[in-house]
Protein backbone atom coordinates (compact mmCIF):
# COMPACT_ATOMS: atom_id res chain seq x y z
CA GLY A 1 -203.96 -134.83 -55.99
CA PRO A 2 -204.50 -133.50 -52.59
CA ASN A 3 -202.68 -131.11 -50.41
CA THR A 4 -201.40 -129.75 -53.83
CA MET A 5 -200.55 -125.84 -55.10
CA VAL A 6 -198.75 -126.15 -58.58
CA ILE A 7 -197.64 -122.68 -59.42
CA ASP A 8 -196.83 -121.76 -63.26
CA GLY A 9 -196.22 -125.72 -63.72
CA THR A 10 -193.83 -126.50 -60.29
CA SER A 11 -195.86 -128.73 -57.54
CA ASN A 12 -195.88 -128.26 -54.03
CA THR A 13 -196.99 -130.21 -51.22
CA VAL A 14 -198.91 -128.13 -48.66
CA VAL A 15 -200.49 -128.23 -45.26
CA THR A 16 -203.61 -126.81 -44.95
CA THR A 17 -205.48 -124.90 -41.31
CA ASN A 18 -208.59 -122.90 -40.95
CA THR A 19 -209.13 -120.82 -38.10
CA VAL A 20 -211.37 -117.31 -37.93
CA VAL A 21 -210.04 -114.32 -38.12
CA GLY A 22 -211.95 -111.06 -37.42
CA GLY A 23 -214.94 -112.15 -38.68
CA SER A 24 -214.00 -114.47 -41.50
CA TYR A 25 -213.00 -117.93 -41.76
CA LEU A 26 -209.63 -118.23 -43.04
CA VAL A 27 -208.43 -121.63 -44.98
CA LEU A 28 -204.01 -121.25 -44.64
CA SER A 29 -202.29 -123.50 -46.91
CA THR A 30 -197.96 -123.51 -46.49
CA LYS A 31 -195.69 -125.50 -47.73
CA ALA A 32 -194.20 -127.01 -44.87
CA GLY A 33 -191.68 -124.70 -43.34
CA SER A 34 -191.59 -121.96 -46.18
CA TYR A 35 -193.76 -120.87 -49.41
CA PRO A 36 -195.71 -120.75 -51.11
CA SER A 37 -198.63 -120.33 -49.47
CA SER A 38 -202.61 -119.34 -50.23
CA SER A 39 -204.89 -117.48 -47.89
CA ILE A 40 -208.27 -117.94 -48.59
CA TYR A 41 -211.13 -115.81 -46.61
CA PHE A 42 -214.51 -116.58 -46.60
CA SER A 43 -217.45 -114.76 -44.85
CA GLY A 44 -218.56 -115.62 -41.91
CA THR A 45 -216.98 -117.82 -38.73
CA SER A 46 -218.35 -121.46 -39.90
CA ALA A 47 -216.78 -123.52 -42.98
CA PRO A 48 -218.05 -122.55 -46.13
CA ALA A 49 -220.97 -124.06 -47.78
CA ALA A 50 -220.31 -126.12 -50.77
CA GLY A 51 -220.39 -124.36 -54.29
CA THR A 52 -218.51 -122.29 -56.63
CA TYR A 53 -216.98 -119.10 -55.17
CA THR A 54 -215.69 -116.24 -57.02
CA ALA A 55 -212.87 -115.38 -55.68
CA SER A 56 -211.57 -111.42 -55.40
CA ALA A 57 -208.74 -109.35 -53.85
CA ASN A 58 -211.40 -107.32 -51.69
CA TYR A 59 -213.15 -108.59 -48.39
CA PRO A 60 -215.36 -111.70 -48.47
CA THR A 61 -218.98 -111.11 -48.83
CA SER A 62 -221.87 -114.29 -49.27
CA GLY A 63 -220.68 -116.30 -52.37
CA ASN A 64 -217.41 -114.82 -52.89
CA CYS A 65 -214.07 -115.06 -51.04
CA GLY A 66 -210.61 -112.94 -50.87
CA ILE A 67 -207.71 -114.75 -51.81
CA THR A 68 -203.87 -114.02 -51.97
CA ILE A 69 -200.96 -116.14 -53.00
CA THR A 70 -197.54 -115.84 -51.08
CA PRO A 71 -195.10 -117.23 -53.39
CA ALA A 72 -191.82 -116.03 -51.19
CA THR A 73 -191.24 -113.95 -48.40
CA SER A 74 -192.57 -110.50 -48.59
CA VAL A 75 -194.13 -110.79 -52.06
CA THR A 76 -198.19 -111.35 -52.26
CA TRP A 77 -199.93 -111.93 -55.68
CA THR A 78 -203.30 -110.81 -56.16
CA VAL A 79 -205.91 -112.81 -58.14
CA VAL A 80 -207.00 -111.58 -61.38
CA THR A 81 -209.46 -114.61 -62.21
CA CYS A 82 -210.33 -117.62 -59.98
CA ASN A 83 -213.53 -119.40 -59.83
CA MET A 84 -213.25 -121.98 -56.77
CA THR A 85 -215.23 -125.17 -56.21
CA VAL A 86 -215.62 -126.05 -52.21
CA THR A 87 -217.08 -129.57 -51.84
CA SER A 88 -218.61 -130.38 -48.03
CA GLY A 89 -218.71 -133.42 -45.91
CA SER A 90 -216.00 -135.49 -44.62
CA SER A 91 -213.57 -135.00 -47.97
CA ARG A 92 -214.12 -131.45 -47.95
CA SER A 93 -212.09 -129.64 -50.04
CA ILE A 94 -211.47 -126.51 -51.96
CA THR A 95 -210.16 -126.56 -55.86
CA PHE A 96 -209.42 -124.34 -58.68
CA THR A 97 -207.61 -124.86 -61.85
CA ASN A 98 -205.36 -122.57 -63.90
CA SER A 99 -206.39 -119.45 -62.15
CA THR A 100 -204.71 -116.20 -62.79
CA PHE A 101 -202.80 -114.21 -60.42
CA THR A 102 -200.59 -111.11 -60.74
CA ASP A 103 -197.38 -109.34 -59.02
CA GLY A 104 -198.01 -106.39 -60.73
CA THR A 105 -196.03 -106.90 -63.51
CA ASN A 106 -196.53 -110.64 -64.66
CA THR A 107 -199.57 -112.94 -64.27
CA HIS A 108 -199.05 -116.36 -62.96
CA THR A 109 -201.16 -119.63 -62.92
CA VAL A 110 -202.12 -121.35 -59.97
CA THR A 111 -203.85 -124.65 -59.41
CA VAL A 112 -205.21 -126.20 -55.87
CA ASN A 113 -206.75 -129.14 -54.42
CA LEU A 114 -206.57 -128.47 -50.29
CA PRO A 115 -208.97 -130.41 -48.22
CA PHE A 116 -209.85 -128.32 -45.11
């Protein structure tokens, strides 16, 4: 359902906020008071247009976005493969399913549904 982040099969309810940081539009989703969290950066200072975006670990450019997953304090996972869908309008959201992230040694599977 909405406001969820499923990591390696474990579902977490998250709260999502958006803000502009240094010329990027940041969508930050965090489990209340703790972890996990995700940071998704889009280029520009307004909400991303509807469409499909390829996530990368690099600074976002048009048509892609930057993303990191923080599962615990001082731990950051980087993206291996992540194609996300953004919908717009009153029910705008970011979704992706079974995307792959790495902690540097092992890979992890992440699925999100993030109204923003």
